[in-house]
PDB file of N, CA and C in Angstrom:
ATOM      1  N   MET A   1     -16.631 -11.079   1.645  1.00  0.00           N
ATOM      2  CA  MET A   1     -15.712 -10.255   0.897  1.00  0.00           C
ATOM      3  C   MET A   1     -14.909 -11.141  -0.034  1.00  0.00           C
ATOM      4  N   GLY A   2     -14.828 -10.771  -1.293  1.00  0.00           N
ATOM      5  CA  GLY A   2     -14.116 -11.565  -2.279  1.00  0.00           C
ATOM      6  C   GLY A   2     -12.636 -11.249  -2.294  1.00  0.00           C
ATOM      7  N   THR A   3     -11.921 -12.059  -3.021  1.00  0.00           N
ATOM      8  CA  THR A   3     -10.495 -11.864  -3.208  1.00  0.00           C
ATOM      9  C   THR A   3     -10.257 -11.434  -4.642  1.00  0.00           C
ATOM     10  N   ASN A   4      -9.394 -10.457  -4.827  1.00  0.00           N
ATOM     11  CA  ASN A   4      -9.070  -9.956  -6.150  1.00  0.00           C
ATOM     12  C   ASN A   4      -7.586 -10.107  -6.412  1.00  0.00           C
ATOM     13  N   THR A   5      -7.251 -10.245  -7.665  1.00  0.00           N
ATOM     14  CA  THR A   5      -5.856 -10.353  -8.075  1.00  0.00           C
ATOM     15  C   THR A   5      -5.523  -9.177  -8.962  1.00  0.00           C
ATOM     16  N   LEU A   6      -4.389  -8.575  -8.708  1.00  0.00           N
ATOM     17  CA  LEU A   6      -3.929  -7.441  -9.485  1.00  0.00           C
ATOM     18  C   LEU A   6      -2.491  -7.718  -9.886  1.00  0.00           C
ATOM     19  N   GLU A   7      -2.222  -7.723 -11.176  1.00  0.00           N
ATOM     20  CA  GLU A   7      -0.861  -7.954 -11.641  1.00  0.00           C
ATOM     21  C   GLU A   7      -0.201  -6.613 -11.911  1.00  0.00           C
ATOM     22  N   LEU A   8       0.967  -6.409 -11.295  1.00  0.00           N
ATOM     23  CA  LEU A   8       1.702  -5.161 -11.436  1.00  0.00           C
ATOM     24  C   LEU A   8       3.118  -5.447 -11.883  1.00  0.00           C
ATOM     25  N   THR A   9       3.666  -4.555 -12.688  1.00  0.00           N
ATOM     26  CA  THR A   9       5.086  -4.650 -13.002  1.00  0.00           C
ATOM     27  C   THR A   9       5.853  -4.201 -11.757  1.00  0.00           C
ATOM     28  N   ASP A  10       7.149  -4.467 -11.715  1.00  0.00           N
ATOM     29  CA  ASP A  10       7.947  -4.014 -10.575  1.00  0.00           C
ATOM     30  C   ASP A  10       7.875  -2.493 -10.446  1.00  0.00           C
ATOM     31  N   GLU A  11       7.901  -1.792 -11.563  1.00  0.00           N
ATOM     32  CA  GLU A  11       7.817  -0.330 -11.540  1.00  0.00           C
ATOM     33  C   GLU A  11       6.482   0.142 -10.953  1.00  0.00           C
ATOM     34  N   GLU A  12       5.396  -0.508 -11.336  1.00  0.00           N
ATOM     35  CA  GLU A  12       4.075  -0.158 -10.796  1.00  0.00           C
ATOM     36  C   GLU A  12       3.992  -0.467  -9.309  1.00  0.00           C
ATOM     37  N   LEU A  13       4.582  -1.582  -8.889  1.00  0.00           N
ATOM     38  CA  LEU A  13       4.589  -1.959  -7.483  1.00  0.00           C
ATOM     39  C   LEU A  13       5.357  -0.934  -6.647  1.00  0.00           C
ATOM     40  N   ILE A  14       6.492  -0.495  -7.149  1.00  0.00           N
ATOM     41  CA  ILE A  14       7.277   0.528  -6.462  1.00  0.00           C
ATOM     42  C   ILE A  14       6.458   1.803  -6.339  1.00  0.00           C
ATOM     43  N   LEU A  15       5.806   2.211  -7.413  1.00  0.00           N
ATOM     44  CA  LEU A  15       4.982   3.417  -7.398  1.00  0.00           C
ATOM     45  C   LEU A  15       3.837   3.285  -6.391  1.00  0.00           C
ATOM     46  N   LEU A  16       3.166   2.138  -6.359  1.00  0.00           N
ATOM     47  CA  LEU A  16       2.058   1.916  -5.435  1.00  0.00           C
ATOM     48  C   LEU A  16       2.537   1.971  -3.991  1.00  0.00           C
ATOM     49  N   ARG A  17       3.675   1.362  -3.702  1.00  0.00           N
ATOM     50  CA  ARG A  17       4.215   1.390  -2.343  1.00  0.00           C
ATOM     51  C   ARG A  17       4.551   2.819  -1.920  1.00  0.00           C
ATOM     52  N   HIS A  18       5.177   3.585  -2.810  1.00  0.00           N
ATOM     53  CA  HIS A  18       5.499   4.986  -2.505  1.00  0.00           C
ATOM     54  C   HIS A  18       4.226   5.794  -2.283  1.00  0.00           C
ATOM     55  N   ALA A  19       3.237   5.578  -3.131  1.00  0.00           N
ATOM     56  CA  ALA A  19       1.981   6.324  -3.015  1.00  0.00           C
ATOM     57  C   ALA A  19       1.286   6.017  -1.689  1.00  0.00           C
ATOM     58  N   LEU A  20       1.245   4.760  -1.292  1.00  0.00           N
ATOM     59  CA  LEU A  20       0.616   4.399  -0.015  1.00  0.00           C
ATOM     60  C   LEU A  20       1.370   4.995   1.172  1.00  0.00           C
ATOM     61  N   ARG A  21       2.691   4.974   1.115  1.00  0.00           N
ATOM     62  CA  ARG A  21       3.469   5.565   2.211  1.00  0.00           C
ATOM     63  C   ARG A  21       3.204   7.065   2.311  1.00  0.00           C
ATOM     64  N   HIS A  22       3.140   7.739   1.171  1.00  0.00           N
ATOM     65  CA  HIS A  22       2.841   9.179   1.178  1.00  0.00           C
ATOM     66  C   HIS A  22       1.431   9.423   1.716  1.00  0.00           C
ATOM     67  N   TYR A  23       0.488   8.620   1.281  1.00  0.00           N
ATOM     68  CA  TYR A  23      -0.902   8.703   1.740  1.00  0.00           C
ATOM     69  C   TYR A  23      -0.955   8.582   3.264  1.00  0.00           C
ATOM     70  N   LEU A  24      -0.213   7.622   3.799  1.00  0.00           N
ATOM     71  CA  LEU A  24      -0.189   7.416   5.249  1.00  0.00           C
ATOM     72  C   LEU A  24       0.399   8.615   5.979  1.00  0.00           C
ATOM     73  N   SER A  25       1.396   9.241   5.393  1.00  0.00           N
ATOM     74  CA  SER A  25       2.066  10.358   6.077  1.00  0.00           C
ATOM     75  C   SER A  25       1.195  11.603   6.140  1.00  0.00           C
ATOM     76  N   GLU A  26       0.130  11.668   5.364  1.00  0.00           N
ATOM     77  CA  GLU A  26      -0.725  12.853   5.312  1.00  0.00           C
ATOM     78  C   GLU A  26      -1.878  12.832   6.312  1.00  0.00           C
ATOM     79  N   PHE A  27      -2.108  11.719   6.976  1.00  0.00           N
ATOM     80  CA  PHE A  27      -3.241  11.609   7.882  1.00  0.00           C
ATOM     81  C   PHE A  27      -2.876  11.972   9.310  1.00  0.00           C
ATOM     82  N   GLY A  28      -3.877  12.403  10.058  1.00  0.00           N
ATOM     83  CA  GLY A  28      -3.715  12.723  11.469  1.00  0.00           C
ATOM     84  C   GLY A  28      -4.326  11.642  12.334  1.00  0.00           C
ATOM     85  N   HIS A  29      -4.464  11.939  13.601  1.00  0.00           N
ATOM     86  CA  HIS A  29      -4.964  10.954  14.563  1.00  0.00           C
ATOM     87  C   HIS A  29      -6.440  10.631  14.375  1.00  0.00           C
ATOM     88  N   GLU A  30      -7.230  11.548  13.840  1.00  0.00           N
ATOM     89  CA  GLU A  30      -8.669  11.294  13.710  1.00  0.00           C
ATOM     90  C   GLU A  30      -8.993  10.268  12.627  1.00  0.00           C
ATOM     91  N   GLU A  31      -8.019   9.905  11.827  1.00  0.00           N
ATOM     92  CA  GLU A  31      -8.248   8.908  10.781  1.00  0.00           C
ATOM     93  C   GLU A  31      -7.592   7.566  11.129  1.00  0.00           C
ATOM     94  N   ALA A  32      -7.604   7.197  12.389  1.00  0.00           N
ATOM     95  CA  ALA A  32      -6.903   5.989  12.844  1.00  0.00           C
ATOM     96  C   ALA A  32      -7.369   4.742  12.114  1.00  0.00           C
ATOM     97  N   ASP A  33      -8.665   4.627  11.831  1.00  0.00           N
ATOM     98  CA  ASP A  33      -9.164   3.436  11.135  1.00  0.00           C
ATOM     99  C   ASP A  33      -8.624   3.367   9.713  1.00  0.00           C
ATOM    100  N   ILE A  34      -8.517   4.498   9.039  1.00  0.00           N
ATOM    101  CA  ILE A  34      -7.973   4.519   7.680  1.00  0.00           C
ATOM    102  C   ILE A  34      -6.487   4.188   7.710  1.00  0.00           C
ATOM    103  N   LEU A  35      -5.771   4.734   8.683  1.00  0.00           N
ATOM    104  CA  LEU A  35      -4.348   4.432   8.823  1.00  0.00           C
ATOM    105  C   LEU A  35      -4.110   2.947   9.015  1.00  0.00           C
ATOM    106  N   ARG A  36      -4.913   2.330   9.881  1.00  0.00           N
ATOM    107  CA  ARG A  36      -4.787   0.890  10.140  1.00  0.00           C
ATOM    108  C   ARG A  36      -4.998   0.089   8.867  1.00  0.00           C
ATOM    109  N   LYS A  37      -6.044   0.433   8.115  1.00  0.00           N
ATOM    110  CA  LYS A  37      -6.357  -0.304   6.885  1.00  0.00           C
ATOM    111  C   LYS A  37      -5.291  -0.092   5.814  1.00  0.00           C
ATOM    112  N   ALA A  38      -4.795   1.127   5.693  1.00  0.00           N
ATOM    113  CA  ALA A  38      -3.761   1.410   4.701  1.00  0.00           C
ATOM    114  C   ALA A  38      -2.457   0.688   5.051  1.00  0.00           C
ATOM    115  N   ARG A  39      -2.109   0.662   6.344  1.00  0.00           N
ATOM    116  CA  ARG A  39      -0.908  -0.068   6.763  1.00  0.00           C
ATOM    117  C   ARG A  39      -1.059  -1.566   6.495  1.00  0.00           C
ATOM    118  N   ALA A  40      -2.246  -2.099   6.734  1.00  0.00           N
ATOM    119  CA  ALA A  40      -2.489  -3.524   6.475  1.00  0.00           C
ATOM    120  C   ALA A  40      -2.347  -3.813   4.981  1.00  0.00           C
ATOM    121  N   LEU A  41      -2.872  -2.920   4.152  1.00  0.00           N
ATOM    122  CA  LEU A  41      -2.748  -3.092   2.706  1.00  0.00           C
ATOM    123  C   LEU A  41      -1.290  -3.023   2.279  1.00  0.00           C
ATOM    124  N   LEU A  42      -0.559  -2.069   2.802  1.00  0.00           N
ATOM    125  CA  LEU A  42       0.856  -1.944   2.478  1.00  0.00           C
ATOM    126  C   LEU A  42       1.614  -3.199   2.906  1.00  0.00           C
ATOM    127  N   GLY A  43       1.232  -3.771   4.019  1.00  0.00           N
ATOM    128  CA  GLY A  43       1.872  -4.994   4.491  1.00  0.00           C
ATOM    129  C   GLY A  43       1.628  -6.195   3.604  1.00  0.00           C
ATOM    130  N   LYS A  44       0.553  -6.170   2.834  1.00  0.00           N
ATOM    131  CA  LYS A  44       0.247  -7.277   1.919  1.00  0.00           C
ATOM    132  C   LYS A  44       1.050  -7.210   0.623  1.00  0.00           C
ATOM    133  N   LEU A  45       1.569  -6.026   0.311  1.00  0.00           N
ATOM    134  CA  LEU A  45       2.284  -5.873  -0.946  1.00  0.00           C
ATOM    135  C   LEU A  45       3.668  -6.519  -0.854  1.00  0.00           C
ATOM    136  N   PRO A  46       4.027  -7.292  -1.855  1.00  0.00           N
ATOM    137  CA  PRO A  46       5.354  -7.891  -1.836  1.00  0.00           C
ATOM    138  C   PRO A  46       6.412  -6.845  -2.143  1.00  0.00           C
ATOM    139  N   GLU A  47       7.630  -7.142  -1.749  1.00  0.00           N
ATOM    140  CA  GLU A  47       8.747  -6.273  -2.121  1.00  0.00           C
ATOM    141  C   GLU A  47       8.990  -6.476  -3.615  1.00  0.00           C
ATOM    142  N   PRO A  48       9.337  -5.414  -4.344  1.00  0.00           N
ATOM    143  CA  PRO A  48       9.636  -5.576  -5.766  1.00  0.00           C
ATOM    144  C   PRO A  48      10.867  -6.468  -5.937  1.00  0.00           C
ATOM    145  N   ALA A  49      10.927  -7.124  -7.072  1.00  0.00           N
ATOM    146  CA  ALA A  49      12.053  -8.000  -7.362  1.00  0.00           C
ATOM    147  C   ALA A  49      13.340  -7.184  -7.428  1.00  0.00           C
ATOM    148  N   ALA A  50      14.425  -7.770  -6.961  1.00  0.00           N
ATOM    149  CA  ALA A  50      15.724  -7.086  -7.034  1.00  0.00           C
ATOM    150  C   ALA A  50      16.145  -6.971  -8.487  1.00  0.00           C
ATOM    151  N   ARG A  51      16.717  -5.843  -8.808  1.00  0.00           N
ATOM    152  CA  ARG A  51      17.136  -5.633 -10.200  1.00  0.00           C
ATOM    153  C   ARG A  51      18.582  -5.934 -10.392  1.00  0.00           C
TER     154      ARG A  51
END
């Protein structure tokens, strides 16, 4: 598996974090593998810079 780099503005990063959190809140117990992967991805995202 390769590594990819994605450059985001702080605004885009905030939007992506919100979108992932909403995505996670919509799943039930039968999607445990997807929940685990989405949480891991969310954990990799840095906090946006303080304004």
